[in-house]
C-alpha atoms as a PDB file:
ATOM      1  CA  MET A   1     147.578 136.411-175.343  1.00  0.00           C
ATOM      2  CA  ILE A   2     147.144 132.976-176.943  1.00  0.00           C
ATOM      3  CA  ALA A   3     145.679 133.569-180.402  1.00  0.00           C
ATOM      4  CA  TYR A   4     145.354 129.914-181.434  1.00  0.00           C
ATOM      5  CA  LEU A   5     146.481 126.402-180.565  1.00  0.00           C
ATOM      6  CA  ASN A   6     147.343 123.748-183.137  1.00  0.00           C
ATOM      7  CA  GLY A   7     147.920 120.196-181.965  1.00  0.00           C
ATOM      8  CA  ARG A   8     146.684 116.662-181.380  1.00  0.00           C
ATOM      9  CA  LEU A   9     143.239 116.199-179.833  1.00  0.00           C
ATOM     10  CA  ALA A  10     143.980 114.135-176.727  1.00  0.00           C
ATOM     11  CA  TYR A  11     140.380 114.324-175.473  1.00  0.00           C
ATOM     12  CA  LYS A  12     137.070 115.444-176.995  1.00  0.00           C
ATOM     13  CA  ASP A  13     133.807 116.252-175.259  1.00  0.00           C
ATOM     14  CA  PRO A  14     130.883 118.374-176.556  1.00  0.00           C
ATOM     15  CA  THR A  15     131.835 121.098-174.054  1.00  0.00           C
ATOM     16  CA  TYR A  16     135.636 120.964-173.972  1.00  0.00           C
ATOM     17  CA  VAL A  17     138.715 119.425-175.559  1.00  0.00           C
ATOM     18  CA  ILE A  18     142.284 118.806-174.475  1.00  0.00           C
ATOM     19  CA  ILE A  19     144.851 119.632-177.146  1.00  0.00           C
ATOM     20  CA  ASP A  20     148.278 118.059-176.727  1.00  0.00           C
ATOM     21  CA  ILE A  21     151.059 120.330-177.953  1.00  0.00           C
ATOM     22  CA  GLN A  22     154.519 118.802-177.459  1.00  0.00           C
ATOM     23  CA  GLY A  23     153.484 116.982-174.304  1.00  0.00           C
ATOM     24  CA  VAL A  24     151.498 119.835-172.735  1.00  0.00           C
ATOM     25  CA  GLY A  25     147.716 119.374-172.545  1.00  0.00           C
ATOM     26  CA  TYR A  26     145.643 122.543-172.923  1.00  0.00           C
ATOM     27  CA  GLU A  27     142.032 122.295-171.726  1.00  0.00           C
ATOM     28  CA  ILE A  28     139.822 124.455-173.940  1.00  0.00           C
ATOM     29  CA  LYS A  29     136.105 125.104-173.515  1.00  0.00           C
ATOM     30  CA  ILE A  30     134.267 124.884-176.837  1.00  0.00           C
ATOM     31  CA  SER A  31     130.807 125.484-178.253  1.00  0.00           C
ATOM     32  CA  LEU A  32     128.654 122.724-179.682  1.00  0.00           C
ATOM     33  CA  ASN A  33     129.168 124.331-183.079  1.00  0.00           C
ATOM     34  CA  THR A  34     132.960 123.874-182.808  1.00  0.00           C
ATOM     35  CA  PHE A  35     132.557 120.315-181.484  1.00  0.00           C
ATOM     36  CA  SER A  36     130.527 119.360-184.575  1.00  0.00           C
ATOM     37  CA  LYS A  37     133.372 120.576-186.799  1.00  0.00           C
ATOM     38  CA  ILE A  38     136.256 118.838-184.982  1.00  0.00           C
ATOM     39  CA  LYS A  39     134.656 115.695-183.485  1.00  0.00           C
ATOM     40  CA  ASP A  40     136.056 113.387-186.181  1.00  0.00           C
ATOM     41  CA  GLU A  41     139.501 115.014-186.316  1.00  0.00           C
ATOM     42  CA  GLU A  42     142.715 113.633-184.794  1.00  0.00           C
ATOM     43  CA  SER A  43     144.289 117.073-184.578  1.00  0.00           C
ATOM     44  CA  CYS A  44     143.024 120.587-185.105  1.00  0.00           C
ATOM     45  CA  LYS A  45     143.698 124.296-184.885  1.00  0.00           C
ATOM     46  CA  LEU A  46     141.450 126.303-182.555  1.00  0.00           C
ATOM     47  CA  HIS A  47     141.276 130.094-182.450  1.00  0.00           C
ATOM     48  CA  THR A  48     141.388 130.892-178.748  1.00  0.00           C
ATOM     49  CA  TYR A  49     140.379 133.510-176.238  1.00  0.00           C
ATOM     50  CA  LEU A  50     141.936 133.521-172.759  1.00  0.00           C
ATOM     51  CA  HIS A  51     139.515 134.688-170.068  1.00  0.00           C
ATOM     52  CA  ILE A  52     141.279 135.787-166.886  1.00  0.00           C
ATOM     53  CA  LYS A  53     139.508 136.049-163.539  1.00  0.00           C
ATOM     54  CA  GLU A  54     140.771 136.177-159.968  1.00  0.00           C
ATOM     55  CA  ASP A  55     140.061 132.484-159.431  1.00  0.00           C
ATOM     56  CA  GLY A  56     141.468 131.149-162.688  1.00  0.00           C
ATOM     57  CA  HIS A  57     142.337 131.360-166.359  1.00  0.00           C
ATOM     58  CA  THR A  58     140.000 129.711-168.882  1.00  0.00           C
ATOM     59  CA  LEU A  59     140.725 129.088-172.548  1.00  0.00           C
ATOM     60  CA  PHE A  60     137.844 129.187-175.023  1.00  0.00           C
ATOM     61  CA  GLY A  61     138.385 127.740-178.491  1.00  0.00           C
ATOM     62  CA  PHE A  62     136.636 128.042-181.839  1.00  0.00           C
ATOM     63  CA  ALA A  63     137.056 126.063-185.064  1.00  0.00           C
ATOM     64  CA  GLU A  64     136.515 129.185-187.151  1.00  0.00           C
ATOM     65  CA  LYS A  65     137.764 132.711-186.652  1.00  0.00           C
ATOM     66  CA  SER A  66     134.286 134.089-187.443  1.00  0.00           C
ATOM     67  CA  GLU A  67     132.821 132.207-184.458  1.00  0.00           C
ATOM     68  CA  LYS A  68     135.514 133.621-182.170  1.00  0.00           C
ATOM     69  CA  THR A  69     134.743 137.130-183.472  1.00  0.00           C
ATOM     70  CA  LEU A  70     131.029 136.644-182.738  1.00  0.00           C
ATOM     71  CA  PHE A  71     131.876 135.303-179.248  1.00  0.00           C
ATOM     72  CA  LEU A  72     133.966 138.408-178.499  1.00  0.00           C
ATOM     73  CA  LEU A  73     131.146 140.646-179.750  1.00  0.00           C
ATOM     74  CA  LEU A  74     128.730 138.855-177.412  1.00  0.00           C
ATOM     75  CA  LEU A  75     131.158 139.374-174.492  1.00  0.00           C
ATOM     76  CA  SER A  76     131.089 143.113-175.156  1.00  0.00           C
ATOM     77  CA  ILE A  77     127.416 143.140-174.090  1.00  0.00           C
ATOM     78  CA  SER A  78     126.734 143.962-170.449  1.00  0.00           C
ATOM     79  CA  GLY A  79     125.327 140.868-168.759  1.00  0.00           C
ATOM     80  CA  VAL A  80     126.861 138.373-171.212  1.00  0.00           C
ATOM     81  CA  GLY A  81     129.838 136.495-169.788  1.00  0.00           C
ATOM     82  CA  PRO A  82     131.904 133.717-171.391  1.00  0.00           C
ATOM     83  CA  SER A  83     129.589 130.940-170.164  1.00  0.00           C
ATOM     84  CA  THR A  84     126.517 132.711-171.552  1.00  0.00           C
ATOM     85  CA  GLY A  85     128.350 133.442-174.819  1.00  0.00           C
ATOM     86  CA  LEU A  86     129.228 129.759-175.127  1.00  0.00           C
ATOM     87  CA  MET A  87     125.623 128.783-174.289  1.00  0.00           C
ATOM     88  CA  ILE A  88     124.380 131.043-177.111  1.00  0.00           C
ATOM     89  CA  LEU A  89     126.846 129.508-179.602  1.00  0.00           C
ATOM     90  CA  SER A  90     125.900 125.998-178.443  1.00  0.00           C
ATOM     91  CA  SER A  91     122.159 126.604-178.768  1.00  0.00           C
ATOM     92  CA  LEU A  92     122.334 128.438-182.103  1.00  0.00           C
ATOM     93  CA  SER A  93     124.816 128.329-184.972  1.00  0.00           C
ATOM     94  CA  PRO A  94     126.774 131.559-185.619  1.00  0.00           C
ATOM     95  CA  GLY A  95     124.614 132.056-188.736  1.00  0.00           C
ATOM     96  CA  GLU A  96     121.424 131.715-186.691  1.00  0.00           C
ATOM     97  CA  VAL A  97     122.725 134.205-184.094  1.00  0.00           C
ATOM     98  CA  GLU A  98     123.634 136.699-186.821  1.00  0.00           C
ATOM     99  CA  ASN A  99     120.275 136.247-188.590  1.00  0.00           C
ATOM    100  CA  ALA A 100     118.405 136.735-185.309  1.00  0.00           C
ATOM    101  CA  ILE A 101     120.345 139.937-184.601  1.00  0.00           C
ATOM    102  CA  LEU A 102     119.930 141.327-188.128  1.00  0.00           C
ATOM    103  CA  SER A 103     116.200 140.534-188.234  1.00  0.00           C
ATOM    104  CA  GLU A 104     115.736 141.771-184.637  1.00  0.00           C
ATOM    105  CA  ASP A 105     114.338 138.378-183.630  1.00  0.00           C
ATOM    106  CA  VAL A 106     114.238 138.759-179.835  1.00  0.00           C
ATOM    107  CA  ARG A 107     112.341 135.466-179.359  1.00  0.00           C
ATOM    108  CA  THR A 108     115.115 133.323-180.913  1.00  0.00           C
ATOM    109  CA  ILE A 109     117.831 134.847-178.743  1.00  0.00           C
ATOM    110  CA  GLN A 110     115.598 134.768-175.680  1.00  0.00           C
ATOM    111  CA  GLY A 111     115.053 131.048-176.374  1.00  0.00           C
ATOM    112  CA  VAL A 112     118.623 130.396-175.193  1.00  0.00           C
ATOM    113  CA  LYS A 113     118.729 129.224-171.574  1.00  0.00           C
ATOM    114  CA  GLY A 114     119.728 132.059-169.248  1.00  0.00           C
ATOM    115  CA  ILE A 115     118.904 134.876-171.675  1.00  0.00           C
ATOM    116  CA  GLY A 116     116.114 137.199-170.589  1.00  0.00           C
ATOM    117  CA  ALA A 117     114.148 139.658-172.714  1.00  0.00           C
ATOM    118  CA  LYS A 118     116.285 142.654-171.692  1.00  0.00           C
ATOM    119  CA  THR A 119     119.577 140.892-172.474  1.00  0.00           C
ATOM    120  CA  ALA A 120     118.220 139.657-175.825  1.00  0.00           C
ATOM    121  CA  GLN A 121     117.139 143.200-176.732  1.00  0.00           C
ATOM    122  CA  ARG A 122     120.524 144.586-175.634  1.00  0.00           C
ATOM    123  CA  ILE A 123     122.371 142.022-177.797  1.00  0.00           C
ATOM    124  CA  ILE A 124     120.304 143.022-180.843  1.00  0.00           C
ATOM    125  CA  LEU A 125     120.539 146.750-180.194  1.00  0.00           C
ATOM    126  CA  GLU A 126     124.295 146.811-179.609  1.00  0.00           C
ATOM    127  CA  LEU A 127     125.379 144.272-182.251  1.00  0.00           C
ATOM    128  CA  LYS A 128     123.030 144.996-185.167  1.00  0.00           C
ATOM    129  CA  ASP A 129     125.495 147.420-186.795  1.00  0.00           C
ATOM    130  CA  LYS A 130     128.561 145.259-186.040  1.00  0.00           C
ATOM    131  CA  ILE A 131     127.361 141.960-187.501  1.00  0.00           C
ATOM    132  CA  GLY A 132     128.505 141.011-191.002  1.00  0.00           C
ATOM    133  CA  LYS A 133     125.874 140.309-193.626  1.00  0.00           C
ATOM    134  CA  ASP A 134     127.374 137.006-194.850  1.00  0.00           C
ATOM    135  CA  ASN A 135     125.888 134.015-193.027  1.00  0.00           C
ATOM    136  CA  ASN A 136     126.446 130.350-193.685  1.00  0.00           C
ATOM    137  CA  GLY A 137     124.640 127.447-192.025  1.00  0.00           C
ATOM    138  CA  ASP A 138     126.313 124.356-190.632  1.00  0.00           C
ATOM    139  CA  PRO A 139     124.807 120.986-191.530  1.00  0.00           C
ATOM    140  CA  SER A 140     125.350 118.587-188.652  1.00  0.00           C
ATOM    141  CA  THR A 141     126.584 115.067-189.131  1.00  0.00           C
ATOM    142  CA  ILE A 142     124.024 112.357-188.517  1.00  0.00           C
ATOM    143  CA  ILE A 143     124.972 109.601-186.097  1.00  0.00           C
ATOM    144  CA  SER A 144     123.435 106.136-186.431  1.00  0.00           C
ATOM    145  CA  GLN A 145     120.698 105.080-184.030  1.00  0.00           C
ATOM    146  CA  SER A 146     122.820 102.124-182.820  1.00  0.00           C
ATOM    147  CA  SER A 147     124.948 104.575-180.864  1.00  0.00           C
ATOM    148  CA  GLU A 148     121.877 106.213-179.287  1.00  0.00           C
ATOM    149  CA  ASN A 149     122.957 105.233-175.767  1.00  0.00           C
ATOM    150  CA  THR A 150     126.388 106.810-176.300  1.00  0.00           C
ATOM    151  CA  ILE A 151     124.742 109.941-177.699  1.00  0.00           C
ATOM    152  CA  ARG A 152     122.384 110.065-174.706  1.00  0.00           C
ATOM    153  CA  ASN A 153     125.276 109.820-172.230  1.00  0.00           C
ATOM    154  CA  GLU A 154     127.404 112.393-174.072  1.00  0.00           C
ATOM    155  CA  ALA A 155     124.429 114.757-174.342  1.00  0.00           C
ATOM    156  CA  LEU A 156     123.698 114.420-170.606  1.00  0.00           C
ATOM    157  CA  SER A 157     127.344 115.056-169.761  1.00  0.00           C
ATOM    158  CA  ALA A 158     127.393 118.172-171.955  1.00  0.00           C
ATOM    159  CA  LEU A 159     124.111 119.518-170.544  1.00  0.00           C
ATOM    160  CA  ILE A 160     125.259 119.024-166.950  1.00  0.00           C
ATOM    161  CA  THR A 161     128.566 120.762-167.772  1.00  0.00           C
ATOM    162  CA  LEU A 162     126.554 123.673-169.223  1.00  0.00           C
ATOM    163  CA  GLY A 163     124.765 124.005-165.877  1.00  0.00           C
ATOM    164  CA  ILE A 164     121.502 122.123-166.493  1.00  0.00           C
ATOM    165  CA  ASN A 165     120.162 120.120-163.530  1.00  0.00           C
ATOM    166  CA  LYS A 166     120.857 116.377-164.050  1.00  0.00           C
ATOM    167  CA  ALA A 167     117.225 115.262-163.536  1.00  0.00           C
ATOM    168  CA  ILE A 168     115.905 117.953-165.903  1.00  0.00           C
ATOM    169  CA  ALA A 169     118.577 117.059-168.488  1.00  0.00           C
ATOM    170  CA  GLN A 170     117.701 113.336-168.348  1.00  0.00           C
ATOM    171  CA  LYS A 171     113.962 113.995-168.656  1.00  0.00           C
ATOM    172  CA  SER A 172     114.513 116.373-171.578  1.00  0.00           C
ATOM    173  CA  VAL A 173     116.927 114.078-173.485  1.00  0.00           C
ATOM    174  CA  ASP A 174     114.760 110.965-172.990  1.00  0.00           C
ATOM    175  CA  LYS A 175     111.625 112.810-174.140  1.00  0.00           C
ATOM    176  CA  ILE A 176     113.388 113.981-177.328  1.00  0.00           C
ATOM    177  CA  LEU A 177     114.805 110.523-178.115  1.00  0.00           C
ATOM    178  CA  LYS A 178     111.376 108.887-177.632  1.00  0.00           C
ATOM    179  CA  SER A 179     109.569 111.427-179.807  1.00  0.00           C
ATOM    180  CA  LEU A 180     111.931 111.118-182.793  1.00  0.00           C
ATOM    181  CA  ASP A 181     111.498 108.510-185.483  1.00  0.00           C
ATOM    182  CA  ARG A 182     114.749 109.338-187.240  1.00  0.00           C
ATOM    183  CA  GLN A 183     118.467 109.483-186.576  1.00  0.00           C
ATOM    184  CA  ILE A 184     119.746 112.461-184.628  1.00  0.00           C
ATOM    185  CA  SER A 185     123.192 113.988-184.236  1.00  0.00           C
ATOM    186  CA  LEU A 186     124.676 114.684-180.809  1.00  0.00           C
ATOM    187  CA  GLU A 187     124.736 118.428-181.535  1.00  0.00           C
ATOM    188  CA  GLU A 188     121.073 118.448-182.559  1.00  0.00           C
ATOM    189  CA  LEU A 189     120.071 116.476-179.446  1.00  0.00           C
ATOM    190  CA  ILE A 190     121.893 118.922-177.152  1.00  0.00           C
ATOM    191  CA  LYS A 191     120.385 121.944-178.933  1.00  0.00           C
ATOM    192  CA  LEU A 192     116.858 120.524-178.624  1.00  0.00           C
ATOM    193  CA  ALA A 193     117.436 119.661-174.966  1.00  0.00           C
ATOM    194  CA  LEU A 194     118.770 123.161-174.237  1.00  0.00           C
ATOM    195  CA  LYS A 195     115.606 124.648-175.713  1.00  0.00           C
ATOM    196  CA  SER A 196     113.284 122.419-173.680  1.00  0.00           C
ATOM    197  CA  ALA A 197     115.255 122.321-170.402  1.00  0.00           C
END
């Protein structure tokens, strides 16, 4: 099992990174939460989980051990696979997920794309006693409006990678950008688009 990887960030995308460790590039799927923490870094350490299926091995990485722990708890729920777990941690911060579980807020969890009422209830029911009581939010970094086009393209790329239809993603992102009269971070844009897509 690969517990963590520590190396140079050869490539960064809101949905995955490539970490170069002594000339070997490891592709690691990440959540939006992790991306917001490492996007300005040259190198980083990611706590990893290796998911093995018949058709391939996929590495998932997390900037903080607590996020990896929450991801593994989500995977223990019937009906929640790695992609859904990553979608949850990209739509909500770990603190928001924990708060929703502890306060039995089905609507918040059900607001994540691909999560139905039954799955949301199952997540709350099965994880309520396992979730720690200490939550901390994650303020996202604001990106200047001059790079709005770059943000738009990166957001679209991330949404398409997460399985959102390209036309729906474009419509959603453009609507959000038009309606805002302030600067927005890439992470915030993707989260808003995920909720409206």
